[in-house]
Amino acid sequence: MSIRFLAAVLLVLPAALPAQTAADSAGIRQTALDYIDGWYTGDGARMERAVHPELAKRIVRTNDQGRSALGQQSAMTLVMGTRAGGGKDTPVAQRKEDVTILDIYQNAASAKVYASGWVDYLHLAKWNGRWVIVNVLWELHPQKAP
């Protein structure tokens, strides 16, 4: 293979890959906001729109003996919990919904939601033309000493 041919391929290849678009960034951000605002407002339809039906939401909890356990919720558990009131008891002044898009690569993305009492790390996929959350790994904010 000649060096000229290789150089030509390398020049053309990046242009052939789909680029991250402003529409993708907006879609990811809106999905993350539907997720967190749906929770805060108890809007089950909004939550359901944001998550893939096979979503897995997980947290690692460690007990006083240092043993870890994996807590898990399905999409249905999350949607039903949202419909039952979700985070409606969170005072509006304490609701945080800071969304940071960490990475987008073709039809996959990672984002972070800094919420009132926790942080959610989201994995999103472009599914049938729209962004949905397929995985969430979350962590509670440290408790302040009384």
C-alpha atoms as a PDB file:
ATOM      1  CA  MET A   1       0.000   0.000   0.000  1.00  0.00           C
ATOM      2  CA  SER A   2       1.467   3.331  -0.983  1.00  0.00           C
ATOM      3  CA  ILE A   3       1.833   6.220   1.415  1.00  0.00           C
ATOM      4  CA  ARG A   4      -0.253   8.439  -0.904  1.00  0.00           C
ATOM      5  CA  PHE A   5      -3.137   5.981  -0.873  1.00  0.00           C
ATOM      6  CA  LEU A   6      -3.008   5.708   2.933  1.00  0.00           C
ATOM      7  CA  ALA A   7      -2.922   9.492   3.291  1.00  0.00           C
ATOM      8  CA  ALA A   8      -5.921   9.822   0.966  1.00  0.00           C
ATOM      9  CA  VAL A   9      -7.887   7.260   2.978  1.00  0.00           C
ATOM     10  CA  LEU A  10      -7.074   9.015   6.252  1.00  0.00           C
ATOM     11  CA  LEU A  11      -8.211  12.350   4.842  1.00  0.00           C
ATOM     12  CA  VAL A  12     -11.548  10.961   3.645  1.00  0.00           C
ATOM     13  CA  LEU A  13     -12.351   8.648   6.577  1.00  0.00           C
ATOM     14  CA  PRO A  14     -13.192  11.296   9.221  1.00  0.00           C
ATOM     15  CA  ALA A  15     -15.588  12.997   6.812  1.00  0.00           C
ATOM     16  CA  ALA A  16     -17.419   9.703   6.278  1.00  0.00           C
ATOM     17  CA  LEU A  17     -18.188   9.200   9.976  1.00  0.00           C
ATOM     18  CA  PRO A  18     -21.373  10.783  11.296  1.00  0.00           C
ATOM     19  CA  ALA A  19     -20.535  13.813  13.391  1.00  0.00           C
ATOM     20  CA  GLN A  20     -22.081  14.887  16.630  1.00  0.00           C
ATOM     21  CA  THR A  21     -24.753  17.429  15.769  1.00  0.00           C
ATOM     22  CA  ALA A  22     -26.409  20.218  17.678  1.00  0.00           C
ATOM     23  CA  ALA A  23     -29.648  18.236  17.343  1.00  0.00           C
ATOM     24  CA  ASP A  24     -28.006  15.239  19.066  1.00  0.00           C
ATOM     25  CA  SER A  25     -26.765  17.411  21.931  1.00  0.00           C
ATOM     26  CA  ALA A  26     -30.208  18.995  22.294  1.00  0.00           C
ATOM     27  CA  GLY A  27     -31.909  15.587  22.199  1.00  0.00           C
ATOM     28  CA  ILE A  28     -29.594  14.152  24.851  1.00  0.00           C
ATOM     29  CA  ARG A  29     -30.058  17.175  27.092  1.00  0.00           C
ATOM     30  CA  GLN A  30     -33.851  17.075  26.677  1.00  0.00           C
ATOM     31  CA  THR A  31     -33.933  13.357  27.490  1.00  0.00           C
ATOM     32  CA  ALA A  32     -31.900  13.952  30.663  1.00  0.00           C
ATOM     33  CA  LEU A  33     -34.231  16.817  31.645  1.00  0.00           C
ATOM     34  CA  ASP A  34     -37.335  14.690  30.950  1.00  0.00           C
ATOM     35  CA  TYR A  35     -35.825  12.075  33.265  1.00  0.00           C
ATOM     36  CA  ILE A  36     -34.970  14.363  36.194  1.00  0.00           C
ATOM     37  CA  ASP A  37     -37.863  16.830  35.839  1.00  0.00           C
ATOM     38  CA  GLY A  38     -40.263  13.931  35.343  1.00  0.00           C
ATOM     39  CA  TRP A  39     -39.050  12.575  38.676  1.00  0.00           C
ATOM     40  CA  TYR A  40     -39.395  15.904  40.485  1.00  0.00           C
ATOM     41  CA  THR A  41     -42.896  16.560  39.124  1.00  0.00           C
ATOM     42  CA  GLY A  42     -44.218  12.998  39.356  1.00  0.00           C
ATOM     43  CA  ASP A  43     -44.788  12.967  35.588  1.00  0.00           C
ATOM     44  CA  GLY A  44     -44.699   9.263  34.728  1.00  0.00           C
ATOM     45  CA  ALA A  45     -45.280   9.883  31.016  1.00  0.00           C
ATOM     46  CA  ARG A  46     -42.268  12.167  30.850  1.00  0.00           C
ATOM     47  CA  MET A  47     -40.113   9.608  32.684  1.00  0.00           C
ATOM     48  CA  GLU A  48     -41.357   6.826  30.444  1.00  0.00           C
ATOM     49  CA  ARG A  49     -40.492   8.875  27.357  1.00  0.00           C
ATOM     50  CA  ALA A  50     -36.919   9.351  28.632  1.00  0.00           C
ATOM     51  CA  VAL A  51     -36.057   5.717  29.373  1.00  0.00           C
ATOM     52  CA  HIS A  52     -35.736   2.599  27.260  1.00  0.00           C
ATOM     53  CA  PRO A  53     -38.187  -0.147  28.356  1.00  0.00           C
ATOM     54  CA  GLU A  54     -35.231  -2.354  29.341  1.00  0.00           C
ATOM     55  CA  LEU A  55     -33.435   0.327  31.370  1.00  0.00           C
ATOM     56  CA  ALA A  56     -31.314  -0.784  34.304  1.00  0.00           C
ATOM     57  CA  LYS A  57     -30.745   1.739  37.110  1.00  0.00           C
ATOM     58  CA  ARG A  58     -28.178   0.645  39.673  1.00  0.00           C
ATOM     59  CA  ILE A  59     -26.402   1.837  42.795  1.00  0.00           C
ATOM     60  CA  VAL A  60     -23.613   0.220  44.794  1.00  0.00           C
ATOM     61  CA  ARG A  61     -24.306   0.413  48.524  1.00  0.00           C
ATOM     62  CA  THR A  62     -21.650  -0.496  51.053  1.00  0.00           C
ATOM     63  CA  ASN A  63     -22.616  -1.492  54.587  1.00  0.00           C
ATOM     64  CA  ASP A  64     -20.748  -0.725  57.831  1.00  0.00           C
ATOM     65  CA  GLN A  65     -18.700  -3.917  57.445  1.00  0.00           C
ATOM     66  CA  GLY A  66     -17.443  -2.791  54.021  1.00  0.00           C
ATOM     67  CA  ARG A  67     -19.543  -5.306  52.062  1.00  0.00           C
ATOM     68  CA  SER A  68     -21.048  -3.998  48.839  1.00  0.00           C
ATOM     69  CA  ALA A  69     -24.446  -4.820  47.405  1.00  0.00           C
ATOM     70  CA  LEU A  70     -25.965  -3.825  44.099  1.00  0.00           C
ATOM     71  CA  GLY A  71     -29.336  -2.085  44.263  1.00  0.00           C
ATOM     72  CA  GLN A  72     -31.311  -2.233  41.052  1.00  0.00           C
ATOM     73  CA  GLN A  73     -34.426  -0.733  39.470  1.00  0.00           C
ATOM     74  CA  SER A  74     -36.079  -1.525  36.149  1.00  0.00           C
ATOM     75  CA  ALA A  75     -37.701   0.984  33.821  1.00  0.00           C
ATOM     76  CA  MET A  76     -41.138  -0.073  35.087  1.00  0.00           C
ATOM     77  CA  THR A  77     -40.123   0.354  38.737  1.00  0.00           C
ATOM     78  CA  LEU A  78     -38.786   3.830  37.991  1.00  0.00           C
ATOM     79  CA  VAL A  79     -41.835   4.874  35.956  1.00  0.00           C
ATOM     80  CA  MET A  80     -44.280   3.533  38.563  1.00  0.00           C
ATOM     81  CA  GLY A  81     -42.339   5.240  41.360  1.00  0.00           C
ATOM     82  CA  THR A  82     -42.491   8.478  39.406  1.00  0.00           C
ATOM     83  CA  ARG A  83     -46.246   8.117  38.844  1.00  0.00           C
ATOM     84  CA  ALA A  84     -46.674   7.470  42.575  1.00  0.00           C
ATOM     85  CA  GLY A  85     -45.221  10.887  43.317  1.00  0.00           C
ATOM     86  CA  GLY A  86     -41.498  10.433  42.712  1.00  0.00           C
ATOM     87  CA  GLY A  87     -39.638  13.460  43.943  1.00  0.00           C
ATOM     88  CA  LYS A  88     -42.661  15.773  44.252  1.00  0.00           C
ATOM     89  CA  ASP A  89     -41.838  16.267  47.935  1.00  0.00           C
ATOM     90  CA  THR A  90     -38.478  17.815  47.010  1.00  0.00           C
ATOM     91  CA  PRO A  91     -38.876  21.576  47.591  1.00  0.00           C
ATOM     92  CA  VAL A  92     -38.637  23.470  44.299  1.00  0.00           C
ATOM     93  CA  ALA A  93     -35.764  25.596  45.654  1.00  0.00           C
ATOM     94  CA  GLN A  94     -33.740  22.414  46.327  1.00  0.00           C
ATOM     95  CA  ARG A  95     -34.340  20.753  42.957  1.00  0.00           C
ATOM     96  CA  LYS A  96     -31.166  20.553  40.928  1.00  0.00           C
ATOM     97  CA  GLU A  97     -31.076  19.476  37.318  1.00  0.00           C
ATOM     98  CA  ASP A  98     -27.545  20.212  36.141  1.00  0.00           C
ATOM     99  CA  VAL A  99     -26.956  18.202  32.942  1.00  0.00           C
ATOM    100  CA  THR A 100     -23.465  17.654  31.528  1.00  0.00           C
ATOM    101  CA  ILE A 101     -22.966  15.730  28.309  1.00  0.00           C
ATOM    102  CA  LEU A 102     -19.764  13.757  28.827  1.00  0.00           C
ATOM    103  CA  ASP A 103     -19.388  12.120  25.413  1.00  0.00           C
ATOM    104  CA  ILE A 104     -21.236  11.379  22.190  1.00  0.00           C
ATOM    105  CA  TYR A 105     -20.085   8.787  19.699  1.00  0.00           C
ATOM    106  CA  GLN A 106     -22.400   8.016  16.814  1.00  0.00           C
ATOM    107  CA  ASN A 107     -25.552   6.549  18.436  1.00  0.00           C
ATOM    108  CA  ALA A 108     -24.177   6.291  21.985  1.00  0.00           C
ATOM    109  CA  ALA A 109     -23.705   8.966  24.625  1.00  0.00           C
ATOM    110  CA  SER A 110     -22.855   9.469  28.282  1.00  0.00           C
ATOM    111  CA  ALA A 111     -24.235  12.257  30.434  1.00  0.00           C
ATOM    112  CA  LYS A 112     -24.235  13.272  34.081  1.00  0.00           C
ATOM    113  CA  VAL A 113     -27.173  14.691  36.021  1.00  0.00           C
ATOM    114  CA  TYR A 114     -26.318  16.458  39.270  1.00  0.00           C
ATOM    115  CA  ALA A 115     -29.582  16.282  41.222  1.00  0.00           C
ATOM    116  CA  SER A 116     -30.694  17.430  44.671  1.00  0.00           C
ATOM    117  CA  GLY A 117     -29.475  14.408  46.644  1.00  0.00           C
ATOM    118  CA  TRP A 118     -27.580  12.290  44.146  1.00  0.00           C
ATOM    119  CA  VAL A 119     -25.635  12.126  40.889  1.00  0.00           C
ATOM    120  CA  ASP A 120     -26.834  10.010  37.958  1.00  0.00           C
ATOM    121  CA  TYR A 121     -24.460   8.801  35.244  1.00  0.00           C
ATOM    122  CA  LEU A 122     -26.554   8.080  32.158  1.00  0.00           C
ATOM    123  CA  HIS A 123     -25.812   5.916  29.141  1.00  0.00           C
ATOM    124  CA  LEU A 124     -28.033   6.908  26.255  1.00  0.00           C
ATOM    125  CA  ALA A 125     -28.672   5.380  22.846  1.00  0.00           C
ATOM    126  CA  LYS A 126     -30.313   6.755  19.750  1.00  0.00           C
ATOM    127  CA  TRP A 127     -33.261   4.362  19.487  1.00  0.00           C
ATOM    128  CA  ASN A 128     -35.645   4.622  16.531  1.00  0.00           C
ATOM    129  CA  GLY A 129     -34.445   8.164  15.879  1.00  0.00           C
ATOM    130  CA  ARG A 130     -34.615   9.543  19.423  1.00  0.00           C
ATOM    131  CA  TRP A 131     -32.316   9.514  22.440  1.00  0.00           C
ATOM    132  CA  VAL A 132     -33.319   7.281  25.376  1.00  0.00           C
ATOM    133  CA  ILE A 133     -31.579   6.295  28.596  1.00  0.00           C
ATOM    134  CA  VAL A 134     -30.588   2.623  28.701  1.00  0.00           C
ATOM    135  CA  ASN A 135     -28.432   2.547  31.864  1.00  0.00           C
ATOM    136  CA  VAL A 136     -28.114   4.662  34.981  1.00  0.00           C
ATOM    137  CA  LEU A 137     -25.430   4.295  37.650  1.00  0.00           C
ATOM    138  CA  TRP A 138     -26.098   6.603  40.547  1.00  0.00           C
ATOM    139  CA  GLU A 139     -24.531   7.685  43.806  1.00  0.00           C
ATOM    140  CA  LEU A 140     -26.000   9.569  46.762  1.00  0.00           C
ATOM    141  CA  HIS A 141     -24.400  12.802  47.933  1.00  0.00           C
ATOM    142  CA  PRO A 142     -22.526  12.329  51.224  1.00  0.00           C
ATOM    143  CA  GLN A 143     -24.688  12.925  54.275  1.00  0.00           C
ATOM    144  CA  LYS A 144     -23.800  15.946  56.351  1.00  0.00           C
ATOM    145  CA  ALA A 145     -23.069  15.305  60.011  1.00  0.00           C
ATOM    146  CA  PRO A 146     -25.824  16.546  62.366  1.00  0.00           C
END
